[in-house]
Amino acid sequence: MKNVVALPHIGSATHETRHAMSRNAAENLIGALDGTLTNNIVNPDVLKR
């Protein structure tokens, strides 16, 4: 349709979603540094070394 502009990333532009994303990133960083990372791991074999 010529009168529609689709913006797929606009769904994450709420305060609540951005806060959750920031918290998740911080928790993942802490988990990676102390060896307790269990969520959002793309390649878990790397952590076994």
C-alpha atoms as a PDB file:
ATOM      1  CA  MET A   1       0.000   0.000   0.000  1.00  0.00           C
ATOM      2  CA  LYS A   2       1.350   3.390  -0.925  1.00  0.00           C
ATOM      3  CA  ASN A   3       0.015   5.081   2.214  1.00  0.00           C
ATOM      4  CA  VAL A   4       1.740   2.744   4.729  1.00  0.00           C
ATOM      5  CA  VAL A   5       5.204   3.039   6.238  1.00  0.00           C
ATOM      6  CA  ALA A   6       6.254  -0.060   8.194  1.00  0.00           C
ATOM      7  CA  LEU A   7       8.834   0.472  10.942  1.00  0.00           C
ATOM      8  CA  PRO A   8       9.657  -2.925  12.481  1.00  0.00           C
ATOM      9  CA  HIS A   9      11.873  -1.658  15.298  1.00  0.00           C
ATOM     10  CA  ILE A  10       9.426   0.916  16.653  1.00  0.00           C
ATOM     11  CA  GLY A  11       7.865  -1.772  18.881  1.00  0.00           C
ATOM     12  CA  SER A  12      10.826  -1.556  21.240  1.00  0.00           C
ATOM     13  CA  ALA A  13      10.584   2.196  21.669  1.00  0.00           C
ATOM     14  CA  THR A  14       8.748   2.163  25.007  1.00  0.00           C
ATOM     15  CA  HIS A  15      10.319   3.094  28.319  1.00  0.00           C
ATOM     16  CA  GLU A  16       9.468  -0.308  29.776  1.00  0.00           C
ATOM     17  CA  THR A  17      10.983  -2.256  26.881  1.00  0.00           C
ATOM     18  CA  ARG A  18      14.170  -0.198  26.778  1.00  0.00           C
ATOM     19  CA  HIS A  19      14.549  -0.570  30.546  1.00  0.00           C
ATOM     20  CA  ALA A  20      14.110  -4.350  30.264  1.00  0.00           C
ATOM     21  CA  MET A  21      16.658  -4.500  27.438  1.00  0.00           C
ATOM     22  CA  SER A  22      19.194  -2.508  29.470  1.00  0.00           C
ATOM     23  CA  ARG A  23      18.654  -4.671  32.545  1.00  0.00           C
ATOM     24  CA  ASN A  24      19.027  -7.843  30.470  1.00  0.00           C
ATOM     25  CA  ALA A  25      22.298  -6.590  28.978  1.00  0.00           C
ATOM     26  CA  ALA A  26      23.666  -5.717  32.429  1.00  0.00           C
ATOM     27  CA  GLU A  27      22.639  -9.078  33.897  1.00  0.00           C
ATOM     28  CA  ASN A  28      24.244 -10.891  30.955  1.00  0.00           C
ATOM     29  CA  LEU A  29      27.469  -8.946  31.431  1.00  0.00           C
ATOM     30  CA  ILE A  30      27.595  -9.782  35.132  1.00  0.00           C
ATOM     31  CA  GLY A  31      26.799 -13.426  34.401  1.00  0.00           C
ATOM     32  CA  ALA A  32      29.532 -13.630  31.765  1.00  0.00           C
ATOM     33  CA  LEU A  33      32.098 -12.132  34.117  1.00  0.00           C
ATOM     34  CA  ASP A  34      31.289 -14.354  37.096  1.00  0.00           C
ATOM     35  CA  GLY A  35      30.680 -17.548  35.089  1.00  0.00           C
ATOM     36  CA  THR A  36      26.948 -17.880  35.744  1.00  0.00           C
ATOM     37  CA  LEU A  37      25.620 -16.813  32.350  1.00  0.00           C
ATOM     38  CA  THR A  38      22.710 -19.070  31.344  1.00  0.00           C
ATOM     39  CA  ASN A  39      20.433 -16.900  29.164  1.00  0.00           C
ATOM     40  CA  ASN A  40      20.749 -15.599  25.613  1.00  0.00           C
ATOM     41  CA  ILE A  41      23.845 -17.631  24.766  1.00  0.00           C
ATOM     42  CA  VAL A  42      24.392 -17.922  21.021  1.00  0.00           C
ATOM     43  CA  ASN A  43      27.412 -20.244  21.223  1.00  0.00           C
ATOM     44  CA  PRO A  44      27.462 -22.015  24.641  1.00  0.00           C
ATOM     45  CA  ASP A  45      30.484 -24.153  23.664  1.00  0.00           C
ATOM     46  CA  VAL A  46      32.719 -21.095  24.002  1.00  0.00           C
ATOM     47  CA  LEU A  47      31.878 -20.789  27.716  1.00  0.00           C
ATOM     48  CA  LYS A  48      32.982 -24.387  28.422  1.00  0.00           C
ATOM     49  CA  ARG A  49      36.647 -23.553  27.789  1.00  0.00           C
END
